[in-house]
Amino acid sequence: MDILRSELGRPMTTKQVAEFLSLDEKTVRKYYRELGGIRLGRHYRFFEKEICNAIQTKRQMDCPSEERGPKERENIQDEKGGFGLGIVNEQNAFKRMERPDRHGLFG
């Protein structure tokens, strides 16, 4: 048991994780996999180090690297310039707007 505790940290229940992360228990149960937890029947178990590892991994995935980010932002143009932002062809957009409302959504 000491080996398990030293490698994974202290075991935690859903309620303890919710208090630790300032979340609702339902949210912890919903995202137990993303938080590094396991489900045993109808019980959820977490380990402190696994929660920290899961959060750290998620944070690294969500943060773009500094060397990649600015280069990508240099190529962004407004809707008239293209690059897939906004309306590429205004005439096609107006044609779509002139179509009849078949489903009665805009009436």
N, C-alpha and C. Protein backbone atom coordinates (compact mmCIF):
# COMPACT_ATOMS: atom_id res chain seq x y z
N MET A 1 0.82 -1.20 0.00
CA MET A 1 0.00 0.00 0.00
C MET A 1 0.86 1.26 0.00
N ASP A 2 2.02 1.21 0.67
CA ASP A 2 2.91 2.36 0.70
C ASP A 2 3.49 2.66 -0.68
N ILE A 3 3.76 1.60 -1.46
CA ILE A 3 4.30 1.78 -2.81
C ILE A 3 3.25 2.48 -3.68
N LEU A 4 2.00 2.03 -3.58
CA LEU A 4 0.92 2.64 -4.35
C LEU A 4 0.75 4.11 -3.97
N ARG A 5 0.78 4.41 -2.69
CA ARG A 5 0.61 5.78 -2.22
C ARG A 5 1.79 6.65 -2.68
N SER A 6 2.99 6.11 -2.68
CA SER A 6 4.15 6.91 -3.09
C SER A 6 4.15 7.19 -4.59
N GLU A 7 3.64 6.27 -5.39
CA GLU A 7 3.62 6.47 -6.84
C GLU A 7 2.43 7.28 -7.33
N LEU A 8 1.26 7.09 -6.72
CA LEU A 8 0.04 7.73 -7.19
C LEU A 8 -0.47 8.85 -6.29
N GLY A 9 0.07 8.98 -5.13
CA GLY A 9 -0.44 9.97 -4.19
C GLY A 9 -1.59 9.39 -3.39
N ARG A 10 -2.21 10.22 -2.59
CA ARG A 10 -3.29 9.72 -1.74
C ARG A 10 -4.54 9.43 -2.56
N PRO A 11 -5.26 8.39 -2.22
CA PRO A 11 -6.53 8.10 -2.91
C PRO A 11 -7.58 9.12 -2.50
N MET A 12 -8.44 9.48 -3.45
CA MET A 12 -9.46 10.49 -3.19
C MET A 12 -10.81 10.04 -3.72
N THR A 13 -11.86 10.44 -3.05
CA THR A 13 -13.22 10.17 -3.49
C THR A 13 -13.70 11.32 -4.38
N THR A 14 -14.86 11.14 -4.97
CA THR A 14 -15.44 12.19 -5.81
C THR A 14 -15.64 13.47 -5.01
N LYS A 15 -16.11 13.33 -3.80
CA LYS A 15 -16.37 14.50 -2.96
C LYS A 15 -15.06 15.24 -2.65
N GLN A 16 -14.01 14.50 -2.34
CA GLN A 16 -12.72 15.13 -2.04
C GLN A 16 -12.14 15.84 -3.26
N VAL A 17 -12.29 15.23 -4.44
CA VAL A 17 -11.80 15.85 -5.67
C VAL A 17 -12.60 17.12 -5.96
N ALA A 18 -13.90 17.07 -5.76
CA ALA A 18 -14.75 18.23 -5.99
C ALA A 18 -14.32 19.39 -5.08
N GLU A 19 -14.04 19.10 -3.83
CA GLU A 19 -13.57 20.14 -2.91
C GLU A 19 -12.18 20.62 -3.30
N PHE A 20 -11.30 19.70 -3.68
CA PHE A 20 -9.93 20.03 -4.06
C PHE A 20 -9.90 20.97 -5.27
N LEU A 21 -10.78 20.73 -6.26
CA LEU A 21 -10.80 21.51 -7.50
C LEU A 21 -11.88 22.59 -7.51
N SER A 22 -12.63 22.71 -6.44
CA SER A 22 -13.74 23.66 -6.35
C SER A 22 -14.75 23.44 -7.47
N LEU A 23 -15.14 22.20 -7.65
CA LEU A 23 -16.12 21.81 -8.65
C LEU A 23 -17.29 21.12 -7.98
N ASP A 24 -18.35 20.94 -8.73
CA ASP A 24 -19.49 20.16 -8.27
C ASP A 24 -19.15 18.67 -8.44
N GLU A 25 -19.72 17.84 -7.58
CA GLU A 25 -19.46 16.40 -7.67
C GLU A 25 -19.93 15.82 -9.00
N LYS A 26 -21.04 16.32 -9.54
CA LYS A 26 -21.53 15.83 -10.83
C LYS A 26 -20.53 16.11 -11.94
N THR A 27 -19.90 17.26 -11.88
CA THR A 27 -18.88 17.60 -12.88
C THR A 27 -17.69 16.67 -12.78
N VAL A 28 -17.27 16.37 -11.57
CA VAL A 28 -16.14 15.44 -11.37
C VAL A 28 -16.49 14.07 -11.92
N ARG A 29 -17.71 13.60 -11.66
CA ARG A 29 -18.11 12.28 -12.18
C ARG A 29 -18.20 12.30 -13.71
N LYS A 30 -18.66 13.40 -14.27
CA LYS A 30 -18.81 13.50 -15.73
C LYS A 30 -17.44 13.46 -16.43
N TYR A 31 -16.44 14.10 -15.83
CA TYR A 31 -15.12 14.21 -16.45
C TYR A 31 -14.07 13.37 -15.73
N TYR A 32 -14.48 12.27 -15.14
CA TYR A 32 -13.54 11.47 -14.36
C TYR A 32 -12.36 10.96 -15.18
N ARG A 33 -12.59 10.63 -16.44
CA ARG A 33 -11.49 10.14 -17.29
C ARG A 33 -10.48 11.24 -17.56
N GLU A 34 -10.98 12.45 -17.87
CA GLU A 34 -10.09 13.57 -18.13
C GLU A 34 -9.29 13.96 -16.90
N LEU A 35 -9.83 13.66 -15.71
CA LEU A 35 -9.15 14.00 -14.46
C LEU A 35 -8.25 12.87 -13.98
N GLY A 36 -8.12 11.80 -14.75
CA GLY A 36 -7.24 10.71 -14.38
C GLY A 36 -7.86 9.72 -13.41
N GLY A 37 -9.18 9.74 -13.29
CA GLY A 37 -9.86 8.84 -12.37
C GLY A 37 -10.23 7.51 -13.00
N ILE A 38 -10.68 6.60 -12.17
CA ILE A 38 -11.16 5.31 -12.64
C ILE A 38 -12.54 5.07 -12.04
N ARG A 39 -13.30 4.24 -12.71
CA ARG A 39 -14.64 3.90 -12.24
C ARG A 39 -14.67 2.42 -11.90
N LEU A 40 -15.08 2.12 -10.70
CA LEU A 40 -15.23 0.74 -10.24
C LEU A 40 -16.69 0.52 -9.90
N GLY A 41 -17.43 -0.06 -10.83
CA GLY A 41 -18.87 -0.19 -10.63
C GLY A 41 -19.51 1.18 -10.65
N ARG A 42 -20.15 1.54 -9.56
CA ARG A 42 -20.74 2.88 -9.49
C ARG A 42 -19.91 3.83 -8.63
N HIS A 43 -18.70 3.42 -8.31
CA HIS A 43 -17.81 4.23 -7.50
C HIS A 43 -16.68 4.77 -8.37
N TYR A 44 -16.26 5.99 -8.07
CA TYR A 44 -15.17 6.64 -8.78
C TYR A 44 -14.01 6.80 -7.81
N ARG A 45 -12.79 6.54 -8.30
CA ARG A 45 -11.61 6.69 -7.47
C ARG A 45 -10.57 7.52 -8.22
N PHE A 46 -9.94 8.37 -7.47
CA PHE A 46 -8.92 9.26 -8.02
C PHE A 46 -7.68 9.17 -7.15
N PHE A 47 -6.55 9.55 -7.73
CA PHE A 47 -5.31 9.65 -6.99
C PHE A 47 -4.74 11.03 -7.23
N GLU A 48 -4.24 11.62 -6.18
CA GLU A 48 -3.83 13.02 -6.20
C GLU A 48 -2.82 13.32 -7.31
N LYS A 49 -1.81 12.50 -7.45
CA LYS A 49 -0.79 12.76 -8.48
C LYS A 49 -1.36 12.60 -9.88
N GLU A 50 -2.27 11.67 -10.06
CA GLU A 50 -2.89 11.49 -11.38
C GLU A 50 -3.74 12.70 -11.77
N ILE A 51 -4.42 13.28 -10.81
CA ILE A 51 -5.22 14.49 -11.07
C ILE A 51 -4.28 15.61 -11.51
N CYS A 52 -3.20 15.81 -10.78
CA CYS A 52 -2.24 16.85 -11.13
C CYS A 52 -1.62 16.60 -12.50
N ASN A 53 -1.28 15.36 -12.81
CA ASN A 53 -0.73 15.02 -14.12
C ASN A 53 -1.73 15.28 -15.24
N ALA A 54 -2.99 14.93 -15.01
CA ALA A 54 -4.03 15.14 -16.03
C ALA A 54 -4.23 16.63 -16.29
N ILE A 55 -4.24 17.41 -15.24
CA ILE A 55 -4.43 18.86 -15.40
C ILE A 55 -3.23 19.47 -16.11
N GLN A 56 -2.03 19.06 -15.73
CA GLN A 56 -0.82 19.58 -16.37
C GLN A 56 -0.78 19.21 -17.85
N THR A 57 -1.13 17.97 -18.18
CA THR A 57 -1.15 17.54 -19.58
C THR A 57 -2.16 18.33 -20.38
N LYS A 58 -3.34 18.52 -19.82
CA LYS A 58 -4.39 19.29 -20.51
C LYS A 58 -3.94 20.73 -20.72
N ARG A 59 -3.29 21.30 -19.74
CA ARG A 59 -2.84 22.68 -19.85
C ARG A 59 -1.79 22.83 -20.94
N GLN A 60 -0.89 21.87 -21.06
CA GLN A 60 0.13 21.92 -22.10
C GLN A 60 -0.48 21.75 -23.48
N MET A 61 -1.53 20.94 -23.59
CA MET A 61 -2.18 20.73 -24.88
C MET A 61 -2.94 21.97 -25.32
N ASP A 62 -3.53 22.70 -24.38
CA ASP A 62 -4.34 23.86 -24.71
C ASP A 62 -3.52 25.11 -25.01
N CYS A 63 -2.29 25.19 -24.52
CA CYS A 63 -1.45 26.36 -24.71
C CYS A 63 -0.63 26.21 -25.99
N PRO A 64 -0.82 27.11 -26.94
CA PRO A 64 0.00 27.03 -28.14
C PRO A 64 1.43 27.43 -27.82
N SER A 65 2.37 26.84 -28.51
CA SER A 65 3.77 27.18 -28.26
C SER A 65 4.04 28.59 -28.76
N GLU A 66 4.96 29.25 -28.13
CA GLU A 66 5.26 30.63 -28.48
C GLU A 66 5.82 30.76 -29.89
N GLU A 67 6.63 29.81 -30.33
CA GLU A 67 7.22 29.93 -31.66
C GLU A 67 6.21 29.64 -32.76
N ARG A 68 5.15 28.88 -32.47
CA ARG A 68 4.17 28.55 -33.49
C ARG A 68 3.08 29.60 -33.58
N GLY A 69 2.67 30.18 -32.47
CA GLY A 69 1.54 31.09 -32.41
C GLY A 69 1.68 32.35 -33.24
N PRO A 70 2.71 33.18 -33.05
CA PRO A 70 2.79 34.44 -33.78
C PRO A 70 2.89 34.25 -35.29
N LYS A 71 3.58 33.21 -35.76
CA LYS A 71 3.69 32.99 -37.20
C LYS A 71 2.33 32.72 -37.81
N GLU A 72 1.49 31.95 -37.11
CA GLU A 72 0.15 31.67 -37.62
C GLU A 72 -0.69 32.93 -37.65
N ARG A 73 -0.53 33.79 -36.66
CA ARG A 73 -1.34 35.00 -36.60
C ARG A 73 -0.94 36.01 -37.67
N GLU A 74 0.29 35.95 -38.18
CA GLU A 74 0.72 36.88 -39.22
C GLU A 74 -0.08 36.69 -40.51
N ASN A 75 -0.52 35.48 -40.79
CA ASN A 75 -1.20 35.18 -42.05
C ASN A 75 -2.70 35.41 -42.00
N ILE A 76 -3.24 35.82 -40.87
CA ILE A 76 -4.68 36.04 -40.77
C ILE A 76 -5.04 37.34 -41.46
N GLN A 77 -6.04 37.26 -42.32
CA GLN A 77 -6.51 38.45 -43.02
C GLN A 77 -7.98 38.66 -42.72
N ASP A 78 -8.47 39.84 -43.08
CA ASP A 78 -9.88 40.12 -42.86
C ASP A 78 -10.74 39.38 -43.88
N GLU A 79 -12.07 39.55 -43.78
CA GLU A 79 -12.96 38.77 -44.65
C GLU A 79 -12.82 39.12 -46.11
N LYS A 80 -12.40 40.31 -46.45
CA LYS A 80 -12.21 40.66 -47.86
C LYS A 80 -10.92 40.04 -48.42
N GLY A 81 -9.94 39.77 -47.55
CA GLY A 81 -8.66 39.26 -47.99
C GLY A 81 -8.62 37.75 -48.16
N GLY A 82 -9.60 37.04 -47.62
CA GLY A 82 -9.62 35.60 -47.80
C GLY A 82 -9.04 34.83 -46.64
N PHE A 83 -8.32 33.76 -46.95
CA PHE A 83 -7.75 32.82 -46.00
C PHE A 83 -8.83 32.11 -45.19
N GLY A 84 -10.02 31.99 -45.71
CA GLY A 84 -11.07 31.21 -45.06
C GLY A 84 -11.81 31.92 -43.95
N LEU A 85 -11.49 33.16 -43.69
CA LEU A 85 -12.19 33.89 -42.63
C LEU A 85 -13.31 34.72 -43.25
N GLY A 86 -14.44 34.74 -42.61
CA GLY A 86 -15.56 35.54 -43.10
C GLY A 86 -16.15 34.99 -44.37
N ILE A 87 -16.75 35.85 -45.14
CA ILE A 87 -17.40 35.46 -46.39
C ILE A 87 -16.40 35.62 -47.52
N VAL A 88 -16.14 34.54 -48.23
CA VAL A 88 -15.18 34.58 -49.33
C VAL A 88 -15.83 35.20 -50.55
N ASN A 89 -17.06 34.84 -50.82
CA ASN A 89 -17.75 35.33 -52.00
C ASN A 89 -19.09 35.92 -51.56
N GLU A 90 -19.19 37.25 -51.57
CA GLU A 90 -20.40 37.90 -51.07
C GLU A 90 -21.62 37.57 -51.93
N GLN A 91 -21.44 37.39 -53.22
CA GLN A 91 -22.58 37.08 -54.08
C GLN A 91 -23.22 35.76 -53.69
N ASN A 92 -22.43 34.74 -53.37
CA ASN A 92 -22.99 33.46 -52.95
C ASN A 92 -23.73 33.60 -51.63
N ALA A 93 -23.24 34.44 -50.76
CA ALA A 93 -23.91 34.65 -49.47
C ALA A 93 -25.27 35.28 -49.68
N PHE A 94 -25.35 36.27 -50.56
CA PHE A 94 -26.65 36.91 -50.83
C PHE A 94 -27.61 35.95 -51.52
N LYS A 95 -27.11 35.09 -52.39
CA LYS A 95 -27.96 34.09 -53.03
C LYS A 95 -28.56 33.14 -52.00
N ARG A 96 -27.76 32.74 -51.04
CA ARG A 96 -28.27 31.86 -49.99
C ARG A 96 -29.35 32.56 -49.16
N MET A 97 -29.17 33.84 -48.94
CA MET A 97 -30.15 34.58 -48.14
C MET A 97 -31.46 34.78 -48.89
N GLU A 98 -31.40 34.82 -50.23
CA GLU A 98 -32.60 35.04 -51.03
C GLU A 98 -33.44 33.78 -51.21
N ARG A 99 -32.90 32.63 -50.87
CA ARG A 99 -33.64 31.38 -51.01
C ARG A 99 -34.88 31.40 -50.11
N PRO A 100 -35.94 30.73 -50.54
CA PRO A 100 -37.13 30.69 -49.69
C PRO A 100 -36.88 29.92 -48.41
N ASP A 101 -37.58 30.30 -47.37
CA ASP A 101 -37.45 29.67 -46.06
C ASP A 101 -38.33 28.43 -46.03
N ARG A 102 -37.77 27.29 -46.45
CA ARG A 102 -38.55 26.06 -46.60
C ARG A 102 -39.10 25.55 -45.27
N HIS A 103 -38.42 25.79 -44.19
CA HIS A 103 -38.81 25.20 -42.91
C HIS A 103 -39.52 26.19 -41.99
N GLY A 104 -39.68 27.41 -42.43
CA GLY A 104 -40.38 28.40 -41.63
C GLY A 104 -39.61 28.86 -40.40
N LEU A 105 -38.29 28.86 -40.48
CA LEU A 105 -37.49 29.24 -39.33
C LEU A 105 -37.30 30.74 -39.19
N PHE A 106 -37.39 31.46 -40.29
CA PHE A 106 -37.10 32.89 -40.26
C PHE A 106 -38.33 33.75 -40.47
N GLY A 107 -39.48 33.21 -40.26
CA GLY A 107 -40.68 33.92 -40.60
C GLY A 107 -41.36 34.57 -39.53
